[in-house]
Structures are given as C-alpha cells and as structure tokens.
N, C-alpha and C. Protein backbone atom coordinates (compact mmCIF):
# COMPACT_ATOMS: atom_id res chain seq x y z
N MET A 1 9.17 63.05 -30.94
CA MET A 1 9.70 61.72 -30.65
C MET A 1 10.88 61.81 -29.68
N THR A 2 11.70 62.83 -29.84
CA THR A 2 12.84 63.01 -28.93
C THR A 2 12.35 63.29 -27.51
N ILE A 3 11.35 64.15 -27.39
CA ILE A 3 10.80 64.46 -26.08
C ILE A 3 10.23 63.19 -25.45
N ASP A 4 9.56 62.37 -26.24
CA ASP A 4 8.98 61.13 -25.74
C ASP A 4 10.08 60.16 -25.28
N THR A 5 11.15 60.07 -26.06
CA THR A 5 12.26 59.16 -25.72
C THR A 5 12.89 59.55 -24.39
N LEU A 6 13.10 60.85 -24.19
CA LEU A 6 13.81 61.32 -22.99
C LEU A 6 12.88 61.58 -21.81
N GLY A 7 11.60 61.75 -22.06
CA GLY A 7 10.64 62.00 -20.99
C GLY A 7 10.46 63.47 -20.71
N VAL A 8 11.47 64.09 -20.13
CA VAL A 8 11.47 65.54 -19.91
C VAL A 8 12.76 66.11 -20.49
N VAL A 9 12.69 67.32 -21.06
CA VAL A 9 13.88 67.91 -21.67
C VAL A 9 13.95 69.41 -21.41
N LYS A 10 15.16 69.91 -21.36
CA LYS A 10 15.38 71.35 -21.38
C LYS A 10 15.46 71.78 -22.84
N ILE A 11 15.21 73.04 -23.09
CA ILE A 11 15.31 73.57 -24.45
C ILE A 11 16.73 73.39 -24.97
N LYS A 12 17.73 73.58 -24.10
CA LYS A 12 19.12 73.44 -24.55
C LYS A 12 19.44 72.00 -24.96
N HIS A 13 18.74 71.01 -24.38
CA HIS A 13 18.93 69.63 -24.82
C HIS A 13 18.47 69.47 -26.26
N LEU A 14 17.27 69.98 -26.57
CA LEU A 14 16.76 69.89 -27.94
C LEU A 14 17.64 70.68 -28.90
N GLN A 15 18.18 71.80 -28.42
CA GLN A 15 19.08 72.62 -29.24
C GLN A 15 20.29 71.82 -29.68
N LYS A 16 20.88 71.07 -28.75
CA LYS A 16 22.07 70.27 -29.07
C LYS A 16 21.73 69.04 -29.91
N ILE A 17 20.68 68.33 -29.51
CA ILE A 17 20.33 67.08 -30.19
C ILE A 17 19.96 67.32 -31.65
N HIS A 18 19.20 68.39 -31.92
CA HIS A 18 18.71 68.64 -33.27
C HIS A 18 19.43 69.78 -33.97
N ASP A 19 20.56 70.19 -33.40
CA ASP A 19 21.39 71.24 -34.02
C ASP A 19 20.54 72.45 -34.42
N LEU A 20 19.83 72.99 -33.45
CA LEU A 20 18.92 74.11 -33.72
C LEU A 20 19.63 75.46 -33.69
N LYS A 21 20.95 75.43 -33.78
CA LYS A 21 21.78 76.64 -33.82
C LYS A 21 21.64 77.45 -32.52
N SER A 22 21.02 78.60 -32.58
CA SER A 22 20.97 79.47 -31.41
C SER A 22 19.88 79.03 -30.43
N TYR A 23 20.05 79.45 -29.17
CA TYR A 23 19.04 79.17 -28.15
C TYR A 23 17.73 79.86 -28.52
N ARG A 24 17.82 81.03 -29.09
CA ARG A 24 16.63 81.77 -29.50
C ARG A 24 15.84 80.98 -30.54
N ASN A 25 16.54 80.39 -31.49
CA ASN A 25 15.87 79.59 -32.52
C ASN A 25 15.23 78.35 -31.90
N ALA A 26 15.93 77.74 -30.93
CA ALA A 26 15.38 76.56 -30.24
C ALA A 26 14.09 76.93 -29.52
N CYS A 27 14.07 78.10 -28.88
CA CYS A 27 12.85 78.57 -28.19
C CYS A 27 11.70 78.76 -29.18
N ARG A 28 12.03 79.26 -30.38
CA ARG A 28 11.01 79.47 -31.41
C ARG A 28 10.40 78.13 -31.84
N VAL A 29 11.26 77.13 -32.01
CA VAL A 29 10.79 75.79 -32.40
C VAL A 29 9.90 75.20 -31.31
N VAL A 30 10.35 75.33 -30.07
CA VAL A 30 9.57 74.79 -28.94
C VAL A 30 8.22 75.50 -28.82
N GLN A 31 8.21 76.79 -29.11
CA GLN A 31 6.96 77.55 -29.04
C GLN A 31 5.92 76.99 -30.01
N GLN A 32 6.39 76.51 -31.18
CA GLN A 32 5.49 75.93 -32.17
C GLN A 32 4.89 74.60 -31.70
N LEU A 33 5.55 73.98 -30.72
CA LEU A 33 5.06 72.71 -30.18
C LEU A 33 4.03 72.93 -29.07
N GLY A 34 3.69 74.19 -28.81
CA GLY A 34 2.82 74.56 -27.70
C GLY A 34 1.62 73.68 -27.43
N PRO A 35 0.83 73.34 -28.46
CA PRO A 35 -0.38 72.53 -28.22
C PRO A 35 -0.07 71.10 -27.75
N TYR A 36 1.19 70.67 -27.89
CA TYR A 36 1.51 69.26 -27.64
C TYR A 36 2.39 69.03 -26.40
N ILE A 37 2.72 70.10 -25.69
CA ILE A 37 3.65 69.96 -24.56
C ILE A 37 3.13 70.66 -23.31
N ASN A 38 3.61 70.19 -22.17
CA ASN A 38 3.45 70.87 -20.89
C ASN A 38 4.79 71.51 -20.55
N GLU A 39 4.74 72.62 -19.84
CA GLU A 39 5.96 73.32 -19.44
C GLU A 39 5.98 73.51 -17.93
N VAL A 40 7.15 73.29 -17.34
CA VAL A 40 7.36 73.59 -15.92
C VAL A 40 8.73 74.28 -15.82
N PHE A 41 9.00 74.87 -14.69
CA PHE A 41 10.31 75.48 -14.49
C PHE A 41 11.06 74.71 -13.41
N TYR A 42 12.32 74.44 -13.70
CA TYR A 42 13.20 73.76 -12.74
C TYR A 42 14.51 74.54 -12.70
N ASN A 43 14.89 75.01 -11.51
CA ASN A 43 16.09 75.85 -11.38
C ASN A 43 16.08 77.01 -12.38
N ARG A 44 14.91 77.63 -12.51
CA ARG A 44 14.70 78.80 -13.38
C ARG A 44 14.91 78.51 -14.87
N GLU A 45 14.88 77.21 -15.23
CA GLU A 45 14.95 76.83 -16.64
C GLU A 45 13.65 76.14 -17.04
N LYS A 46 13.21 76.42 -18.25
CA LYS A 46 11.98 75.79 -18.74
C LYS A 46 12.27 74.32 -19.08
N VAL A 47 11.40 73.46 -18.60
CA VAL A 47 11.48 72.02 -18.87
C VAL A 47 10.16 71.61 -19.51
N ILE A 48 10.24 70.82 -20.57
CA ILE A 48 9.02 70.44 -21.28
C ILE A 48 8.85 68.93 -21.36
N TYR A 49 7.59 68.51 -21.46
CA TYR A 49 7.26 67.10 -21.67
C TYR A 49 5.93 67.02 -22.41
N LEU A 50 5.67 65.89 -23.03
CA LEU A 50 4.48 65.76 -23.87
C LEU A 50 3.21 65.75 -23.03
N ASN A 51 2.18 66.45 -23.53
CA ASN A 51 0.86 66.35 -22.91
C ASN A 51 0.06 65.27 -23.63
N LYS A 52 -1.22 65.14 -23.31
CA LYS A 52 -2.04 64.08 -23.90
C LYS A 52 -2.11 64.21 -25.42
N ALA A 53 -2.26 65.44 -25.92
CA ALA A 53 -2.33 65.65 -27.37
C ALA A 53 -1.02 65.26 -28.05
N GLY A 54 0.09 65.57 -27.42
CA GLY A 54 1.40 65.22 -27.97
C GLY A 54 1.61 63.71 -28.02
N ARG A 55 1.18 63.03 -26.95
CA ARG A 55 1.32 61.57 -26.92
C ARG A 55 0.43 60.93 -27.98
N GLN A 56 -0.79 61.44 -28.12
CA GLN A 56 -1.70 60.89 -29.12
C GLN A 56 -1.18 61.10 -30.53
N MET A 57 -0.54 62.24 -30.75
CA MET A 57 -0.04 62.57 -32.09
C MET A 57 1.00 61.55 -32.58
N ILE A 58 1.85 61.07 -31.64
CA ILE A 58 2.90 60.12 -32.05
C ILE A 58 2.60 58.68 -31.62
N GLY A 59 1.44 58.48 -30.98
CA GLY A 59 1.06 57.13 -30.56
C GLY A 59 1.83 56.62 -29.36
N SER A 60 2.19 57.51 -28.45
CA SER A 60 2.95 57.12 -27.25
C SER A 60 2.01 56.82 -26.09
N LEU A 61 2.37 55.79 -25.34
CA LEU A 61 1.61 55.44 -24.14
C LEU A 61 2.34 55.86 -22.87
N LYS A 62 3.48 56.51 -23.03
CA LYS A 62 4.32 56.87 -21.88
C LYS A 62 3.90 58.22 -21.32
N GLU A 63 3.17 58.19 -20.22
CA GLU A 63 2.70 59.43 -19.61
C GLU A 63 3.71 59.93 -18.59
N ILE A 64 4.08 61.19 -18.71
CA ILE A 64 5.04 61.82 -17.80
C ILE A 64 4.30 62.80 -16.90
N LYS A 65 4.62 62.74 -15.63
CA LYS A 65 4.05 63.70 -14.69
C LYS A 65 5.17 64.42 -13.96
N LYS A 66 4.91 65.66 -13.59
CA LYS A 66 5.90 66.41 -12.81
C LYS A 66 6.13 65.68 -11.50
N SER A 67 7.40 65.42 -11.19
CA SER A 67 7.70 64.67 -9.97
C SER A 67 9.03 65.11 -9.39
N ALA A 68 9.36 64.52 -8.24
CA ALA A 68 10.61 64.83 -7.57
C ALA A 68 11.81 64.27 -8.34
N LEU A 69 11.55 63.42 -9.35
CA LEU A 69 12.64 62.80 -10.10
C LEU A 69 13.09 63.64 -11.29
N ILE A 70 12.58 64.86 -11.40
CA ILE A 70 12.89 65.67 -12.58
C ILE A 70 14.39 65.92 -12.71
N GLU A 71 15.09 66.16 -11.60
CA GLU A 71 16.53 66.38 -11.66
C GLU A 71 17.24 65.14 -12.18
N HIS A 72 16.81 63.98 -11.69
CA HIS A 72 17.39 62.70 -12.12
C HIS A 72 17.19 62.50 -13.61
N ASP A 73 15.98 62.81 -14.10
CA ASP A 73 15.69 62.64 -15.53
C ASP A 73 16.51 63.59 -16.39
N LEU A 74 16.69 64.82 -15.93
CA LEU A 74 17.49 65.79 -16.69
C LEU A 74 18.96 65.39 -16.72
N LEU A 75 19.44 64.80 -15.64
CA LEU A 75 20.82 64.30 -15.63
C LEU A 75 20.99 63.13 -16.60
N LYS A 76 19.96 62.30 -16.73
CA LYS A 76 20.01 61.22 -17.72
C LYS A 76 20.18 61.79 -19.13
N ASN A 77 19.52 62.93 -19.38
CA ASN A 77 19.67 63.58 -20.68
C ASN A 77 21.11 64.01 -20.93
N GLU A 78 21.79 64.46 -19.88
CA GLU A 78 23.20 64.85 -20.02
C GLU A 78 24.05 63.64 -20.41
N VAL A 79 23.71 62.48 -19.86
CA VAL A 79 24.42 61.23 -20.22
C VAL A 79 24.12 60.87 -21.67
N TYR A 80 22.86 61.01 -22.08
CA TYR A 80 22.45 60.75 -23.46
C TYR A 80 23.26 61.60 -24.43
N LEU A 81 23.43 62.87 -24.11
CA LEU A 81 24.23 63.77 -24.95
C LEU A 81 25.70 63.39 -24.91
N TYR A 82 26.19 62.99 -23.73
CA TYR A 82 27.60 62.60 -23.58
C TYR A 82 27.95 61.44 -24.51
N PHE A 83 27.01 60.51 -24.66
CA PHE A 83 27.24 59.34 -25.53
C PHE A 83 26.77 59.60 -26.97
N ASN A 84 26.61 60.86 -27.34
CA ASN A 84 26.24 61.26 -28.70
C ASN A 84 24.91 60.69 -29.16
N CYS A 85 23.93 60.75 -28.28
CA CYS A 85 22.53 60.44 -28.61
C CYS A 85 22.34 59.07 -29.28
N PRO A 86 22.57 57.98 -28.53
CA PRO A 86 22.39 56.64 -29.12
C PRO A 86 20.97 56.46 -29.67
N THR A 87 20.87 55.87 -30.86
CA THR A 87 19.56 55.71 -31.50
C THR A 87 18.69 54.68 -30.76
N ASP A 88 19.30 53.74 -30.06
CA ASP A 88 18.53 52.71 -29.35
C ASP A 88 18.46 52.98 -27.85
N TRP A 89 18.67 54.23 -27.46
CA TRP A 89 18.61 54.63 -26.04
C TRP A 89 17.26 54.25 -25.44
N LYS A 90 17.30 53.57 -24.31
CA LYS A 90 16.07 53.17 -23.64
C LYS A 90 16.23 53.42 -22.15
N THR A 91 15.26 54.11 -21.55
CA THR A 91 15.32 54.38 -20.11
C THR A 91 14.56 53.29 -19.35
N GLU A 92 14.90 53.17 -18.07
CA GLU A 92 14.28 52.16 -17.20
C GLU A 92 14.33 50.77 -17.86
N HIS A 93 15.55 50.36 -18.19
CA HIS A 93 15.75 49.08 -18.90
C HIS A 93 15.75 47.92 -17.91
N LYS A 94 14.86 46.97 -18.16
CA LYS A 94 14.70 45.82 -17.25
C LYS A 94 15.49 44.62 -17.74
N ILE A 95 16.29 44.04 -16.84
CA ILE A 95 17.01 42.80 -17.13
C ILE A 95 16.51 41.76 -16.15
N GLU A 96 16.06 40.64 -16.68
CA GLU A 96 15.55 39.56 -15.82
C GLU A 96 16.26 38.27 -16.17
N ILE A 97 16.82 37.61 -15.18
CA ILE A 97 17.51 36.34 -15.42
C ILE A 97 17.04 35.31 -14.39
N GLU A 98 17.29 34.06 -14.72
CA GLU A 98 17.01 32.98 -13.78
C GLU A 98 18.34 32.36 -13.36
N ILE A 99 18.53 32.25 -12.07
CA ILE A 99 19.76 31.65 -11.53
C ILE A 99 19.41 30.30 -10.94
N VAL A 100 20.08 29.25 -11.43
CA VAL A 100 19.84 27.90 -10.93
C VAL A 100 20.57 27.75 -9.60
N THR A 101 19.84 27.30 -8.59
CA THR A 101 20.42 27.11 -7.27
C THR A 101 20.43 25.63 -6.92
N SER A 102 21.05 25.30 -5.81
CA SER A 102 21.03 23.91 -5.33
C SER A 102 19.63 23.59 -4.83
N PRO A 103 19.05 22.50 -5.27
CA PRO A 103 17.68 22.18 -4.86
C PRO A 103 17.60 21.83 -3.38
N THR A 104 16.56 22.33 -2.72
CA THR A 104 16.33 21.97 -1.32
C THR A 104 15.62 20.62 -1.29
N LEU A 105 15.51 20.07 -0.10
CA LEU A 105 14.81 18.79 0.07
C LEU A 105 13.37 18.90 -0.39
N GLU A 106 12.74 20.04 -0.06
CA GLU A 106 11.34 20.26 -0.46
C GLU A 106 11.21 20.30 -1.98
N MET A 107 12.19 20.93 -2.65
CA MET A 107 12.16 20.99 -4.11
C MET A 107 12.27 19.59 -4.71
N ARG A 108 13.15 18.78 -4.13
CA ARG A 108 13.35 17.43 -4.66
C ARG A 108 12.07 16.61 -4.51
N ILE A 109 11.42 16.74 -3.35
CA ILE A 109 10.19 15.97 -3.08
C ILE A 109 9.06 16.39 -4.01
N ASN A 110 8.92 17.71 -4.19
CA ASN A 110 7.80 18.24 -4.99
C ASN A 110 8.14 18.41 -6.47
N GLY A 111 9.37 18.07 -6.85
CA GLY A 111 9.76 18.18 -8.26
C GLY A 111 9.86 19.61 -8.76
N LEU A 112 10.15 20.55 -7.86
CA LEU A 112 10.24 21.96 -8.24
C LEU A 112 11.61 22.29 -8.82
N LYS A 113 11.61 23.25 -9.73
CA LYS A 113 12.84 23.68 -10.37
C LYS A 113 13.62 24.61 -9.44
N PRO A 114 14.89 24.33 -9.20
CA PRO A 114 15.67 25.16 -8.27
C PRO A 114 16.17 26.45 -8.94
N VAL A 115 15.22 27.36 -9.20
CA VAL A 115 15.56 28.58 -9.93
C VAL A 115 15.10 29.80 -9.13
N ILE A 116 15.96 30.82 -9.09
CA ILE A 116 15.60 32.10 -8.47
C ILE A 116 15.61 33.16 -9.57
N LYS A 117 14.52 33.95 -9.65
CA LYS A 117 14.47 35.03 -10.62
C LYS A 117 15.09 36.28 -10.02
N LYS A 118 15.97 36.92 -10.79
CA LYS A 118 16.59 38.17 -10.38
C LYS A 118 16.22 39.25 -11.39
N ILE A 119 15.77 40.40 -10.90
CA ILE A 119 15.38 41.50 -11.77
C ILE A 119 16.20 42.74 -11.44
N LEU A 120 16.71 43.38 -12.47
CA LEU A 120 17.50 44.60 -12.33
C LEU A 120 16.96 45.63 -13.31
N ILE A 121 16.74 46.86 -12.84
CA ILE A 121 16.30 47.93 -13.74
C ILE A 121 17.38 49.01 -13.74
N SER A 122 18.05 49.16 -14.88
CA SER A 122 19.07 50.20 -15.00
C SER A 122 18.39 51.49 -15.47
N ASP A 123 19.01 52.62 -15.17
CA ASP A 123 18.42 53.91 -15.54
C ASP A 123 18.30 54.07 -17.05
N ALA A 124 19.25 53.50 -17.78
CA ALA A 124 19.19 53.58 -19.25
C ALA A 124 20.11 52.52 -19.84
N MET A 125 19.92 52.26 -21.13
CA MET A 125 20.81 51.32 -21.84
C MET A 125 20.88 51.70 -23.30
N PHE A 126 21.98 51.25 -23.94
CA PHE A 126 22.11 51.32 -25.40
C PHE A 126 23.19 50.32 -25.78
N GLN A 127 23.24 49.98 -27.07
CA GLN A 127 24.26 49.05 -27.55
C GLN A 127 25.16 49.77 -28.54
N ARG A 128 26.44 49.44 -28.48
CA ARG A 128 27.39 50.06 -29.39
C ARG A 128 28.61 49.16 -29.54
N ASN A 129 29.01 48.90 -30.80
CA ASN A 129 30.20 48.10 -31.11
C ASN A 129 30.19 46.74 -30.42
N GLY A 130 29.02 46.11 -30.36
CA GLY A 130 28.92 44.77 -29.78
C GLY A 130 28.84 44.75 -28.27
N TYR A 131 28.78 45.90 -27.64
CA TYR A 131 28.72 45.97 -26.19
C TYR A 131 27.36 46.51 -25.74
N LEU A 132 26.86 45.95 -24.66
CA LEU A 132 25.66 46.46 -24.01
C LEU A 132 26.10 47.46 -22.95
N HIS A 133 25.70 48.70 -23.09
CA HIS A 133 26.08 49.76 -22.15
C HIS A 133 24.91 50.04 -21.22
N LEU A 134 25.13 49.89 -19.93
CA LEU A 134 24.11 50.13 -18.92
C LEU A 134 24.48 51.38 -18.14
N VAL A 135 23.49 52.23 -17.89
CA VAL A 135 23.74 53.54 -17.28
C VAL A 135 23.03 53.64 -15.93
N GLU A 136 23.77 54.12 -14.93
CA GLU A 136 23.18 54.45 -13.63
C GLU A 136 23.49 55.92 -13.33
N VAL A 137 22.45 56.66 -12.95
CA VAL A 137 22.61 58.06 -12.59
C VAL A 137 22.40 58.20 -11.08
N ASP A 138 23.43 58.61 -10.39
CA ASP A 138 23.39 58.74 -8.94
C ASP A 138 23.48 60.21 -8.57
N ASN A 139 22.35 60.79 -8.17
CA ASN A 139 22.42 62.17 -7.70
C ASN A 139 22.03 62.29 -6.23
N LYS A 140 20.93 61.62 -5.83
CA LYS A 140 20.51 61.73 -4.43
C LYS A 140 20.25 60.37 -3.79
N ARG A 141 20.61 59.31 -4.48
CA ARG A 141 20.37 57.97 -3.95
C ARG A 141 21.24 57.72 -2.72
N LYS A 142 20.71 57.02 -1.74
CA LYS A 142 21.50 56.67 -0.57
C LYS A 142 22.63 55.75 -0.99
N MET A 143 23.81 55.95 -0.43
CA MET A 143 24.97 55.15 -0.83
C MET A 143 24.77 53.67 -0.50
N MET A 144 24.01 53.38 0.55
CA MET A 144 23.72 51.99 0.87
C MET A 144 22.91 51.34 -0.27
N ASP A 145 22.00 52.12 -0.86
CA ASP A 145 21.22 51.61 -1.99
C ASP A 145 22.11 51.40 -3.22
N ASN A 146 23.08 52.29 -3.42
CA ASN A 146 24.05 52.11 -4.51
C ASN A 146 24.83 50.82 -4.32
N SER A 147 25.25 50.56 -3.09
CA SER A 147 26.01 49.35 -2.79
C SER A 147 25.19 48.10 -3.10
N LYS A 148 23.92 48.11 -2.72
CA LYS A 148 23.04 46.97 -2.99
C LYS A 148 22.85 46.77 -4.48
N LYS A 149 22.73 47.88 -5.22
CA LYS A 149 22.51 47.75 -6.66
C LYS A 149 23.75 47.20 -7.35
N ILE A 150 24.93 47.60 -6.90
CA ILE A 150 26.17 47.07 -7.48
C ILE A 150 26.28 45.57 -7.22
N LYS A 151 25.86 45.12 -6.05
CA LYS A 151 25.86 43.67 -5.75
C LYS A 151 24.91 42.93 -6.68
N LEU A 152 23.78 43.58 -7.00
CA LEU A 152 22.84 42.97 -7.93
C LEU A 152 23.44 42.90 -9.34
N TYR A 153 24.14 43.96 -9.75
CA TYR A 153 24.85 43.92 -11.04
C TYR A 153 25.86 42.78 -11.06
N GLU A 154 26.54 42.58 -9.94
CA GLU A 154 27.55 41.51 -9.86
C GLU A 154 26.90 40.14 -10.10
N GLU A 155 25.69 39.95 -9.60
CA GLU A 155 24.99 38.68 -9.79
C GLU A 155 24.47 38.52 -11.21
N ILE A 156 23.98 39.61 -11.78
CA ILE A 156 23.24 39.53 -13.04
C ILE A 156 24.11 39.68 -14.29
N LEU A 157 25.08 40.60 -14.28
CA LEU A 157 25.82 40.89 -15.52
C LEU A 157 26.52 39.68 -16.15
N PRO A 158 27.11 38.77 -15.37
CA PRO A 158 27.75 37.61 -16.03
C PRO A 158 26.77 36.74 -16.82
N ALA A 159 25.47 36.83 -16.50
CA ALA A 159 24.47 35.99 -17.18
C ALA A 159 23.79 36.68 -18.35
N VAL A 160 24.13 37.95 -18.60
CA VAL A 160 23.49 38.69 -19.70
C VAL A 160 23.96 38.13 -21.03
N LYS A 161 22.99 37.86 -21.91
CA LYS A 161 23.30 37.19 -23.18
C LYS A 161 23.52 38.16 -24.34
N ASN A 162 22.80 39.29 -24.36
CA ASN A 162 22.83 40.15 -25.56
C ASN A 162 23.94 41.20 -25.49
N GLY A 163 25.16 40.77 -25.71
CA GLY A 163 26.30 41.68 -25.75
C GLY A 163 27.05 41.73 -24.43
N ILE A 164 28.34 42.05 -24.51
CA ILE A 164 29.16 42.14 -23.30
C ILE A 164 28.79 43.43 -22.57
N PRO A 165 28.34 43.32 -21.32
CA PRO A 165 27.85 44.52 -20.63
C PRO A 165 28.97 45.38 -20.03
N ILE A 166 28.76 46.69 -20.12
CA ILE A 166 29.65 47.66 -19.46
C ILE A 166 28.75 48.59 -18.64
N LEU A 167 29.07 48.76 -17.37
CA LEU A 167 28.28 49.63 -16.50
C LEU A 167 28.92 51.00 -16.42
N HIS A 168 28.12 52.03 -16.68
CA HIS A 168 28.57 53.43 -16.58
C HIS A 168 27.81 54.07 -15.42
N PHE A 169 28.53 54.48 -14.39
CA PHE A 169 27.92 55.09 -13.21
C PHE A 169 28.27 56.57 -13.20
N PHE A 170 27.26 57.42 -13.23
CA PHE A 170 27.46 58.87 -13.20
C PHE A 170 27.03 59.39 -11.84
N THR A 171 27.91 60.15 -11.19
CA THR A 171 27.62 60.64 -9.85
C THR A 171 28.00 62.11 -9.70
N THR A 172 27.89 62.64 -8.49
CA THR A 172 27.97 64.09 -8.30
C THR A 172 29.24 64.58 -7.61
N THR A 173 29.90 63.74 -6.82
CA THR A 173 31.07 64.21 -6.07
C THR A 173 32.22 63.21 -6.15
N GLU A 174 33.41 63.70 -5.86
CA GLU A 174 34.60 62.84 -5.86
C GLU A 174 34.49 61.76 -4.79
N ASP A 175 33.93 62.11 -3.64
CA ASP A 175 33.77 61.15 -2.55
C ASP A 175 32.85 60.00 -2.95
N ARG A 176 31.73 60.35 -3.58
CA ARG A 176 30.80 59.30 -4.04
C ARG A 176 31.45 58.44 -5.12
N LYS A 177 32.21 59.07 -6.00
CA LYS A 177 32.90 58.33 -7.06
C LYS A 177 33.87 57.30 -6.46
N LYS A 178 34.63 57.70 -5.45
CA LYS A 178 35.59 56.78 -4.83
C LYS A 178 34.89 55.58 -4.20
N LYS A 179 33.76 55.84 -3.54
CA LYS A 179 33.02 54.73 -2.92
C LYS A 179 32.47 53.79 -3.98
N LEU A 180 31.93 54.34 -5.07
CA LEU A 180 31.39 53.51 -6.15
C LEU A 180 32.50 52.67 -6.79
N GLU A 181 33.67 53.28 -7.01
CA GLU A 181 34.80 52.55 -7.59
C GLU A 181 35.23 51.41 -6.68
N HIS A 182 35.26 51.67 -5.37
CA HIS A 182 35.64 50.65 -4.39
C HIS A 182 34.68 49.47 -4.44
N TRP A 183 33.37 49.75 -4.54
CA TRP A 183 32.38 48.68 -4.56
C TRP A 183 32.37 47.92 -5.88
N CYS A 184 32.71 48.57 -6.98
CA CYS A 184 32.71 47.90 -8.29
C CYS A 184 33.98 47.09 -8.53
N LYS A 185 35.07 47.49 -7.90
CA LYS A 185 36.37 46.85 -8.15
C LYS A 185 36.33 45.36 -7.82
N GLY A 186 36.81 44.56 -8.78
CA GLY A 186 36.92 43.12 -8.56
C GLY A 186 35.61 42.37 -8.59
N LYS A 187 34.56 42.99 -9.11
CA LYS A 187 33.24 42.34 -9.12
C LYS A 187 33.00 41.51 -10.38
N GLY A 188 33.96 41.49 -11.30
CA GLY A 188 33.81 40.63 -12.47
C GLY A 188 33.04 41.23 -13.62
N PHE A 189 32.85 42.55 -13.62
CA PHE A 189 32.23 43.20 -14.77
C PHE A 189 32.97 44.49 -15.08
N ARG A 190 32.84 44.93 -16.34
CA ARG A 190 33.50 46.17 -16.75
C ARG A 190 32.68 47.36 -16.30
N TYR A 191 33.36 48.41 -15.88
CA TYR A 191 32.64 49.58 -15.39
C TYR A 191 33.49 50.84 -15.57
N LYS A 192 32.81 51.97 -15.52
CA LYS A 192 33.49 53.26 -15.51
C LYS A 192 32.64 54.22 -14.67
N ILE A 193 33.30 54.99 -13.81
CA ILE A 193 32.60 55.93 -12.94
C ILE A 193 32.94 57.36 -13.39
N TYR A 194 31.94 58.21 -13.48
CA TYR A 194 32.10 59.58 -13.94
C TYR A 194 31.53 60.55 -12.90
N ILE A 195 32.02 61.79 -12.93
CA ILE A 195 31.41 62.87 -12.17
C ILE A 195 30.81 63.85 -13.19
N PHE A 196 29.57 64.25 -12.97
CA PHE A 196 28.87 65.09 -13.95
C PHE A 196 29.64 66.33 -14.34
N LYS A 197 30.25 67.00 -13.38
CA LYS A 197 30.92 68.27 -13.67
C LYS A 197 32.13 68.07 -14.59
N GLU A 198 32.61 66.83 -14.72
CA GLU A 198 33.76 66.55 -15.57
C GLU A 198 33.35 66.24 -17.02
N LEU A 199 32.05 66.14 -17.29
CA LEU A 199 31.60 65.76 -18.62
C LEU A 199 31.73 66.88 -19.64
N ASN A 200 31.64 68.12 -19.20
CA ASN A 200 31.67 69.24 -20.15
C ASN A 200 33.08 69.61 -20.57
C-alpha cells in the first residue's frame, strides 16, 4: 500500500517509513515482495514500483511506468518523509473552482452564466491541524512555468473551501528559492520555500 501511495520508492524510503531497522533488513523485506514489484536503478540505487500482480493484490488501478519523472517522484517521497508521512497524502491533487466574471453582452443576450473554470494540479496535498497543505516539487521545471503556476495559485487559493491552504515549495538551489519567494510574496496566500539539501 505504501508503494502504491508513493508510486515509486527507494528501499531507504521504506526503511524509514516502516522502521525496518537496518538497510540489510529492508532489502530482505523488499526481496520477499519480488513477485509483486518491478525494479529499476536510478543513480545506482534500486527503485521499486508495483507490477500488475502487485496492483491486483491490493486492488489498485494506478499503473506506474518508468519515466523521466522518476527523480521528481523520488523527491516527492523526501517531502512525504519530511512531513512525517501524512496518512491522507495524495499526489497529483486536483483543485477546480469556478470564478464569476463580469458578463459580456453575448452572455446577457444568450442567458449564459459568467463563470470561468480554473484547474490547478499540485504535486501533493495533505491536511493537518485544520490547514490544507499543498506541495510543489521544483527540480527541473522552467522558472517561467513556476511563475505561471504561482499566479494560478494566487487566483485559486483564496477560493478553496476545505481548510486554510498553505503552499510548500521545495526546490534545488538558493537562486531558485529567492525567485520563488519573490513571486510568492504579497500574493495573498501563506507559503514556505525550502531547499532539498536543507531538509536533512
């Protein structure tokens, strides 16, 4: 179930999440899962994800394939561990809202509703102490795309109903952190920017 929740995992992730003591013991446990997992190597570390038999065993419909996003997914796991493994952790969380706009002449004539739908997909989400925590993992995204996404957060977060939202942006360098902080400042939502190397 943990592998399914996270998508792809390193053995050391499972070691920490399930308190499997030594790395050797964690490897032994993973070896027992052999019929239910696929294994690949990333940066000389074994990475595992559920195969068809594993998904069928737990009734999961979430199929994972080896892709260029593996680094991004593994970094999401580091965030999951940083927040002490939230039980309601959900990846690729979709937020959809309707924003009422001023009706155009055409809308008035045709009786159309002056509404624009806005959709935002955050890398992950969880709730804690009455707050909705939204997570963005920035490792190789173009900074222009980060800027656009922050503008979308600015439009959408004030309209979120289920808990007061806080945006957590995790990035790779001090320079990227400064740019993200500059773009988030004064946007009317709570946020915090982190650098991965500072999490340990």
